[in-house]
Amino acid sequence: MFTVYAISSTQRKYIYVGLTSELSARINRHNSGYERTTRPYRPFELIFMKEFPTRAEAREFEKYLKTTRGKREILGL
């Protein structure tokens, strides 16, 4: 299973969308500062997740969530 997820910084206005097969480990990496892209925005909370059976399906949905329309879906707008 592959998970598309969105995390939100609790300190700043920043949302990160990603894809993983190990969600809890991945979020721990973000919160621990191992990921250079998200390090300045720590700490994070999970705000969205959806599982897919294949990486290809998950990647397609991840790309969609990175669009303006997809970000509105995450935020419930």
PDB file of N, CA and C in Angstrom:
ATOM      1  N   MET A   1       0.831  -1.191   0.000  1.00  0.00           N
ATOM      2  CA  MET A   1       0.000   0.000   0.000  1.00  0.00           C
ATOM      3  C   MET A   1       0.874   1.254   0.000  1.00  0.00           C
ATOM      4  N   PHE A   2       0.412   2.246  -0.700  1.00  0.00           N
ATOM      5  CA  PHE A   2       1.097   3.533  -0.753  1.00  0.00           C
ATOM      6  C   PHE A   2       0.143   4.604  -0.246  1.00  0.00           C
ATOM      7  N   THR A   3       0.674   5.548   0.492  1.00  0.00           N
ATOM      8  CA  THR A   3      -0.142   6.591   1.096  1.00  0.00           C
ATOM      9  C   THR A   3       0.270   7.956   0.575  1.00  0.00           C
ATOM     10  N   VAL A   4      -0.714   8.716   0.127  1.00  0.00           N
ATOM     11  CA  VAL A   4      -0.506  10.120  -0.203  1.00  0.00           C
ATOM     12  C   VAL A   4      -0.955  10.885   1.026  1.00  0.00           C
ATOM     13  N   TYR A   5      -0.121  11.809   1.473  1.00  0.00           N
ATOM     14  CA  TYR A   5      -0.416  12.510   2.720  1.00  0.00           C
ATOM     15  C   TYR A   5      -0.146  13.999   2.589  1.00  0.00           C
ATOM     16  N   ALA A   6      -0.747  14.751   3.500  1.00  0.00           N
ATOM     17  CA  ALA A   6      -0.476  16.180   3.599  1.00  0.00           C
ATOM     18  C   ALA A   6      -0.223  16.483   5.067  1.00  0.00           C
ATOM     19  N   ILE A   7       0.830  17.239   5.313  1.00  0.00           N
ATOM     20  CA  ILE A   7       1.132  17.675   6.667  1.00  0.00           C
ATOM     21  C   ILE A   7       1.146  19.191   6.683  1.00  0.00           C
ATOM     22  N   SER A   8       0.777  19.735   7.814  1.00  0.00           N
ATOM     23  CA  SER A   8       0.715  21.183   7.958  1.00  0.00           C
ATOM     24  C   SER A   8       1.631  21.613   9.100  1.00  0.00           C
ATOM     25  N   SER A   9       2.378  22.677   8.880  1.00  0.00           N
ATOM     26  CA  SER A   9       3.227  23.221   9.928  1.00  0.00           C
ATOM     27  C   SER A   9       2.341  23.801  11.021  1.00  0.00           C
ATOM     28  N   THR A  10       2.686  23.538  12.262  1.00  0.00           N
ATOM     29  CA  THR A  10       1.908  24.096  13.370  1.00  0.00           C
ATOM     30  C   THR A  10       2.381  25.506  13.721  1.00  0.00           C
ATOM     31  N   GLN A  11       3.522  25.930  13.166  1.00  0.00           N
ATOM     32  CA  GLN A  11       4.102  27.234  13.481  1.00  0.00           C
ATOM     33  C   GLN A  11       3.951  28.275  12.362  1.00  0.00           C
ATOM     34  N   ARG A  12       3.890  27.803  11.126  1.00  0.00           N
ATOM     35  CA  ARG A  12       3.843  28.714   9.982  1.00  0.00           C
ATOM     36  C   ARG A  12       2.799  28.235   8.992  1.00  0.00           C
ATOM     37  N   LYS A  13       2.499  29.078   8.019  1.00  0.00           N
ATOM     38  CA  LYS A  13       1.521  28.719   6.994  1.00  0.00           C
ATOM     39  C   LYS A  13       2.244  27.934   5.896  1.00  0.00           C
ATOM     40  N   TYR A  14       2.221  26.602   6.019  1.00  0.00           N
ATOM     41  CA  TYR A  14       2.936  25.747   5.077  1.00  0.00           C
ATOM     42  C   TYR A  14       2.297  24.366   5.081  1.00  0.00           C
ATOM     43  N   ILE A  15       1.991  23.859   3.900  1.00  0.00           N
ATOM     44  CA  ILE A  15       1.449  22.510   3.749  1.00  0.00           C
ATOM     45  C   ILE A  15       2.355  21.751   2.787  1.00  0.00           C
ATOM     46  N   TYR A  16       2.720  20.537   3.170  1.00  0.00           N
ATOM     47  CA  TYR A  16       3.561  19.682   2.348  1.00  0.00           C
ATOM     48  C   TYR A  16       2.754  18.456   1.944  1.00  0.00           C
ATOM     49  N   VAL A  17       2.796  18.115   0.670  1.00  0.00           N
ATOM     50  CA  VAL A  17       2.112  16.926   0.155  1.00  0.00           C
ATOM     51  C   VAL A  17       3.175  15.930  -0.284  1.00  0.00           C
ATOM     52  N   GLY A  18       3.020  14.669   0.145  1.00  0.00           N
ATOM     53  CA  GLY A  18       4.007  13.658  -0.205  1.00  0.00           C
ATOM     54  C   GLY A  18       3.399  12.282  -0.410  1.00  0.00           C
ATOM     55  N   LEU A  19       4.261  11.329  -0.686  1.00  0.00           N
ATOM     56  CA  LEU A  19       3.876   9.957  -0.992  1.00  0.00           C
ATOM     57  C   LEU A  19       4.854   9.028  -0.283  1.00  0.00           C
ATOM     58  N   THR A  20       4.340   7.984   0.369  1.00  0.00           N
ATOM     59  CA  THR A  20       5.199   7.051   1.087  1.00  0.00           C
ATOM     60  C   THR A  20       4.535   5.689   1.245  1.00  0.00           C
ATOM     61  N   SER A  21       5.335   4.703   1.592  1.00  0.00           N
ATOM     62  CA  SER A  21       4.783   3.399   1.942  1.00  0.00           C
ATOM     63  C   SER A  21       4.884   3.175   3.449  1.00  0.00           C
ATOM     64  N   GLU A  22       5.528   4.092   4.167  1.00  0.00           N
ATOM     65  CA  GLU A  22       5.703   4.027   5.623  1.00  0.00           C
ATOM     66  C   GLU A  22       5.330   5.374   6.228  1.00  0.00           C
ATOM     67  N   LEU A  23       4.050   5.624   6.419  1.00  0.00           N
ATOM     68  CA  LEU A  23       3.577   6.951   6.814  1.00  0.00           C
ATOM     69  C   LEU A  23       4.145   7.432   8.145  1.00  0.00           C
ATOM     70  N   SER A  24       4.062   6.642   9.189  1.00  0.00           N
ATOM     71  CA  SER A  24       4.520   7.122  10.497  1.00  0.00           C
ATOM     72  C   SER A  24       6.016   7.418  10.490  1.00  0.00           C
ATOM     73  N   ALA A  25       6.813   6.581   9.836  1.00  0.00           N
ATOM     74  CA  ALA A  25       8.258   6.823   9.744  1.00  0.00           C
ATOM     75  C   ALA A  25       8.535   8.096   8.955  1.00  0.00           C
ATOM     76  N   ARG A  26       7.770   8.317   7.906  1.00  0.00           N
ATOM     77  CA  ARG A  26       7.976   9.504   7.068  1.00  0.00           C
ATOM     78  C   ARG A  26       7.659  10.789   7.823  1.00  0.00           C
ATOM     79  N   ILE A  27       6.573  10.780   8.566  1.00  0.00           N
ATOM     80  CA  ILE A  27       6.210  11.964   9.352  1.00  0.00           C
ATOM     81  C   ILE A  27       7.257  12.216  10.436  1.00  0.00           C
ATOM     82  N   ASN A  28       7.758  11.154  11.041  1.00  0.00           N
ATOM     83  CA  ASN A  28       8.832  11.304  12.033  1.00  0.00           C
ATOM     84  C   ASN A  28      10.070  11.935  11.410  1.00  0.00           C
ATOM     85  N   ARG A  29      10.391  11.554  10.171  1.00  0.00           N
ATOM     86  CA  ARG A  29      11.539  12.160   9.478  1.00  0.00           C
ATOM     87  C   ARG A  29      11.319  13.659   9.262  1.00  0.00           C
ATOM     88  N   HIS A  30      10.103  14.039   8.891  1.00  0.00           N
ATOM     89  CA  HIS A  30       9.804  15.465   8.715  1.00  0.00           C
ATOM     90  C   HIS A  30       9.953  16.205  10.040  1.00  0.00           C
ATOM     91  N   ASN A  31       9.374  15.661  11.097  1.00  0.00           N
ATOM     92  CA  ASN A  31       9.404  16.331  12.392  1.00  0.00           C
ATOM     93  C   ASN A  31      10.778  16.321  13.053  1.00  0.00           C
ATOM     94  N   SER A  32      11.637  15.390  12.676  1.00  0.00           N
ATOM     95  CA  SER A  32      12.980  15.306  13.249  1.00  0.00           C
ATOM     96  C   SER A  32      13.988  16.166  12.506  1.00  0.00           C
ATOM     97  N   GLY A  33      13.594  16.720  11.365  1.00  0.00           N
ATOM     98  CA  GLY A  33      14.484  17.593  10.613  1.00  0.00           C
ATOM     99  C   GLY A  33      15.361  16.882   9.603  1.00  0.00           C
ATOM    100  N   TYR A  34      15.094  15.615   9.300  1.00  0.00           N
ATOM    101  CA  TYR A  34      15.888  14.876   8.326  1.00  0.00           C
ATOM    102  C   TYR A  34      15.601  15.295   6.889  1.00  0.00           C
ATOM    103  N   GLU A  35      14.449  15.876   6.650  1.00  0.00           N
ATOM    104  CA  GLU A  35      14.085  16.299   5.289  1.00  0.00           C
ATOM    105  C   GLU A  35      14.392  17.783   5.118  1.00  0.00           C
ATOM    106  N   ARG A  36      15.338  18.087   4.259  1.00  0.00           N
ATOM    107  CA  ARG A  36      15.808  19.461   4.070  1.00  0.00           C
ATOM    108  C   ARG A  36      14.697  20.426   3.665  1.00  0.00           C
ATOM    109  N   THR A  37      13.792  19.968   2.812  1.00  0.00           N
ATOM    110  CA  THR A  37      12.719  20.846   2.304  1.00  0.00           C
ATOM    111  C   THR A  37      11.774  21.312   3.402  1.00  0.00           C
ATOM    112  N   THR A  38      11.513  20.461   4.361  1.00  0.00           N
ATOM    113  CA  THR A  38      10.518  20.806   5.395  1.00  0.00           C
ATOM    114  C   THR A  38      11.147  21.221   6.719  1.00  0.00           C
ATOM    115  N   ARG A  39      12.443  21.115   6.857  1.00  0.00           N
ATOM    116  CA  ARG A  39      13.117  21.410   8.130  1.00  0.00           C
ATOM    117  C   ARG A  39      12.747  22.773   8.730  1.00  0.00           C
ATOM    118  N   PRO A  40      12.715  23.854   7.957  1.00  0.00           N
ATOM    119  CA  PRO A  40      12.421  25.162   8.565  1.00  0.00           C
ATOM    120  C   PRO A  40      10.972  25.326   9.061  1.00  0.00           C
ATOM    121  N   TYR A  41      10.102  24.423   8.692  1.00  0.00           N
ATOM    122  CA  TYR A  41       8.681  24.577   9.010  1.00  0.00           C
ATOM    123  C   TYR A  41       8.217  23.659  10.138  1.00  0.00           C
ATOM    124  N   ARG A  42       9.111  22.926  10.757  1.00  0.00           N
ATOM    125  CA  ARG A  42       8.742  21.991  11.822  1.00  0.00           C
ATOM    126  C   ARG A  42       8.119  22.714  13.008  1.00  0.00           C
ATOM    127  N   PRO A  43       7.297  22.056  13.791  1.00  0.00           N
ATOM    128  CA  PRO A  43       6.762  20.699  13.713  1.00  0.00           C
ATOM    129  C   PRO A  43       5.526  20.628  12.809  1.00  0.00           C
ATOM    130  N   PHE A  44       5.134  19.393  12.474  1.00  0.00           N
ATOM    131  CA  PHE A  44       4.012  19.154  11.570  1.00  0.00           C
ATOM    132  C   PHE A  44       2.932  18.305  12.220  1.00  0.00           C
ATOM    133  N   GLU A  45       1.727  18.450  11.661  1.00  0.00           N
ATOM    134  CA  GLU A  45       0.633  17.557  12.020  1.00  0.00           C
ATOM    135  C   GLU A  45       0.027  17.028  10.722  1.00  0.00           C
ATOM    136  N   LEU A  46      -0.415  15.782  10.771  1.00  0.00           N
ATOM    137  CA  LEU A  46      -1.035  15.153   9.613  1.00  0.00           C
ATOM    138  C   LEU A  46      -2.430  15.730   9.430  1.00  0.00           C
ATOM    139  N   ILE A  47      -2.731  16.226   8.219  1.00  0.00           N
ATOM    140  CA  ILE A  47      -4.059  16.796   7.975  1.00  0.00           C
ATOM    141  C   ILE A  47      -4.853  16.024   6.921  1.00  0.00           C
ATOM    142  N   PHE A  48      -4.154  15.130   6.182  1.00  0.00           N
ATOM    143  CA  PHE A  48      -4.846  14.383   5.130  1.00  0.00           C
ATOM    144  C   PHE A  48      -4.041  13.144   4.777  1.00  0.00           C
ATOM    145  N   MET A  49      -4.742  12.043   4.514  1.00  0.00           N
ATOM    146  CA  MET A  49      -4.077  10.845   3.998  1.00  0.00           C
ATOM    147  C   MET A  49      -5.065  10.004   3.216  1.00  0.00           C
ATOM    148  N   LYS A  50      -4.570   9.323   2.187  1.00  0.00           N
ATOM    149  CA  LYS A  50      -5.389   8.427   1.385  1.00  0.00           C
ATOM    150  C   LYS A  50      -4.484   7.316   0.865  1.00  0.00           C
ATOM    151  N   GLU A  51      -4.936   6.071   0.994  1.00  0.00           N
ATOM    152  CA  GLU A  51      -4.131   4.930   0.578  1.00  0.00           C
ATOM    153  C   GLU A  51      -4.507   4.447  -0.821  1.00  0.00           C
ATOM    154  N   PHE A  52      -3.491   3.910  -1.520  1.00  0.00           N
ATOM    155  CA  PHE A  52      -3.654   3.390  -2.873  1.00  0.00           C
ATOM    156  C   PHE A  52      -2.933   2.056  -2.986  1.00  0.00           C
ATOM    157  N   PRO A  53      -3.449   1.147  -3.815  1.00  0.00           N
ATOM    158  CA  PRO A  53      -2.802  -0.167  -3.960  1.00  0.00           C
ATOM    159  C   PRO A  53      -1.503  -0.132  -4.764  1.00  0.00           C
ATOM    160  N   THR A  54      -1.360   0.848  -5.667  1.00  0.00           N
ATOM    161  CA  THR A  54      -0.136   0.906  -6.484  1.00  0.00           C
ATOM    162  C   THR A  54       0.523   2.278  -6.371  1.00  0.00           C
ATOM    163  N   ARG A  55       1.821   2.294  -6.588  1.00  0.00           N
ATOM    164  CA  ARG A  55       2.575   3.549  -6.539  1.00  0.00           C
ATOM    165  C   ARG A  55       2.124   4.495  -7.661  1.00  0.00           C
ATOM    166  N   ALA A  56       1.811   3.957  -8.814  1.00  0.00           N
ATOM    167  CA  ALA A  56       1.383   4.785  -9.953  1.00  0.00           C
ATOM    168  C   ALA A  56       0.098   5.547  -9.630  1.00  0.00           C
ATOM    169  N   GLU A  57      -0.863   4.863  -9.036  1.00  0.00           N
ATOM    170  CA  GLU A  57      -2.115   5.535  -8.654  1.00  0.00           C
ATOM    171  C   GLU A  57      -1.851   6.603  -7.602  1.00  0.00           C
ATOM    172  N   ALA A  58      -1.009   6.276  -6.634  1.00  0.00           N
ATOM    173  CA  ALA A  58      -0.688   7.232  -5.571  1.00  0.00           C
ATOM    174  C   ALA A  58       0.017   8.456  -6.142  1.00  0.00           C
ATOM    175  N   ARG A  59       0.943   8.248  -7.054  1.00  0.00           N
ATOM    176  CA  ARG A  59       1.689   9.359  -7.662  1.00  0.00           C
ATOM    177  C   ARG A  59       0.767  10.286  -8.443  1.00  0.00           C
ATOM    178  N   GLU A  60      -0.170   9.707  -9.157  1.00  0.00           N
ATOM    179  CA  GLU A  60      -1.140  10.509  -9.919  1.00  0.00           C
ATOM    180  C   GLU A  60      -1.962  11.396  -8.984  1.00  0.00           C
ATOM    181  N   PHE A  61      -2.414  10.829  -7.867  1.00  0.00           N
ATOM    182  CA  PHE A  61      -3.206  11.599  -6.911  1.00  0.00           C
ATOM    183  C   PHE A  61      -2.347  12.643  -6.205  1.00  0.00           C
ATOM    184  N   GLU A  62      -1.098  12.314  -5.920  1.00  0.00           N
ATOM    185  CA  GLU A  62      -0.183  13.283  -5.297  1.00  0.00           C
ATOM    186  C   GLU A  62      -0.018  14.499  -6.207  1.00  0.00           C
ATOM    187  N   LYS A  63       0.171  14.256  -7.501  1.00  0.00           N
ATOM    188  CA  LYS A  63       0.292  15.366  -8.457  1.00  0.00           C
ATOM    189  C   LYS A  63      -0.953  16.246  -8.440  1.00  0.00           C
ATOM    190  N   TYR A  64      -2.118  15.607  -8.369  1.00  0.00           N
ATOM    191  CA  TYR A  64      -3.372  16.362  -8.318  1.00  0.00           C
ATOM    192  C   TYR A  64      -3.433  17.233  -7.061  1.00  0.00           C
ATOM    193  N   LEU A  65      -3.049  16.681  -5.913  1.00  0.00           N
ATOM    194  CA  LEU A  65      -3.129  17.449  -4.664  1.00  0.00           C
ATOM    195  C   LEU A  65      -2.189  18.648  -4.661  1.00  0.00           C
ATOM    196  N   LYS A  66      -1.184  18.620  -5.489  1.00  0.00           N
ATOM    197  CA  LYS A  66      -0.247  19.743  -5.552  1.00  0.00           C
ATOM    198  C   LYS A  66      -0.752  20.875  -6.443  1.00  0.00           C
ATOM    199  N   THR A  67      -1.915  20.683  -7.061  1.00  0.00           N
ATOM    200  CA  THR A  67      -2.527  21.744  -7.852  1.00  0.00           C
ATOM    201  C   THR A  67      -3.384  22.623  -6.936  1.00  0.00           C
ATOM    202  N   THR A  68      -3.805  23.763  -7.430  1.00  0.00           N
ATOM    203  CA  THR A  68      -4.664  24.648  -6.643  1.00  0.00           C
ATOM    204  C   THR A  68      -5.962  23.951  -6.273  1.00  0.00           C
ATOM    205  N   ARG A  69      -6.546  23.263  -7.218  1.00  0.00           N
ATOM    206  CA  ARG A  69      -7.803  22.542  -6.954  1.00  0.00           C
ATOM    207  C   ARG A  69      -7.602  21.456  -5.904  1.00  0.00           C
ATOM    208  N   GLY A  70      -6.491  20.742  -5.982  1.00  0.00           N
ATOM    209  CA  GLY A  70      -6.189  19.692  -5.026  1.00  0.00           C
ATOM    210  C   GLY A  70      -5.964  20.247  -3.622  1.00  0.00           C
ATOM    211  N   LYS A  71      -5.278  21.375  -3.527  1.00  0.00           N
ATOM    212  CA  LYS A  71      -5.040  21.993  -2.213  1.00  0.00           C
ATOM    213  C   LYS A  71      -6.343  22.448  -1.580  1.00  0.00           C
ATOM    214  N   ARG A  72      -7.267  22.893  -2.410  1.00  0.00           N
ATOM    215  CA  ARG A  72      -8.595  23.254  -1.872  1.00  0.00           C
ATOM    216  C   ARG A  72      -9.291  22.026  -1.300  1.00  0.00           C
ATOM    217  N   GLU A  73      -9.107  20.878  -1.952  1.00  0.00           N
ATOM    218  CA  GLU A  73      -9.719  19.640  -1.470  1.00  0.00           C
ATOM    219  C   GLU A  73      -9.145  19.269  -0.099  1.00  0.00           C
ATOM    220  N   ILE A  74      -7.842  19.403   0.061  1.00  0.00           N
ATOM    221  CA  ILE A  74      -7.199  19.104   1.338  1.00  0.00           C
ATOM    222  C   ILE A  74      -7.771  19.992   2.441  1.00  0.00           C
ATOM    223  N   LEU A  75      -7.930  21.257   2.137  1.00  0.00           N
ATOM    224  CA  LEU A  75      -8.396  22.222   3.133  1.00  0.00           C
ATOM    225  C   LEU A  75      -9.900  22.236   3.307  1.00  0.00           C
ATOM    226  N   GLY A  76     -10.605  21.486   2.460  1.00  0.00           N
ATOM    227  CA  GLY A  76     -12.053  21.435   2.579  1.00  0.00           C
ATOM    228  C   GLY A  76     -12.754  22.692   2.095  1.00  0.00           C
ATOM    229  N   LEU A  77     -12.155  23.377   1.136  1.00  0.00           N
ATOM    230  CA  LEU A  77     -12.759  24.623   0.611  1.00  0.00           C
ATOM    231  C   LEU A  77     -13.611  24.362  -0.603  1.00  0.00           C
TER     232      LEU A  77
END
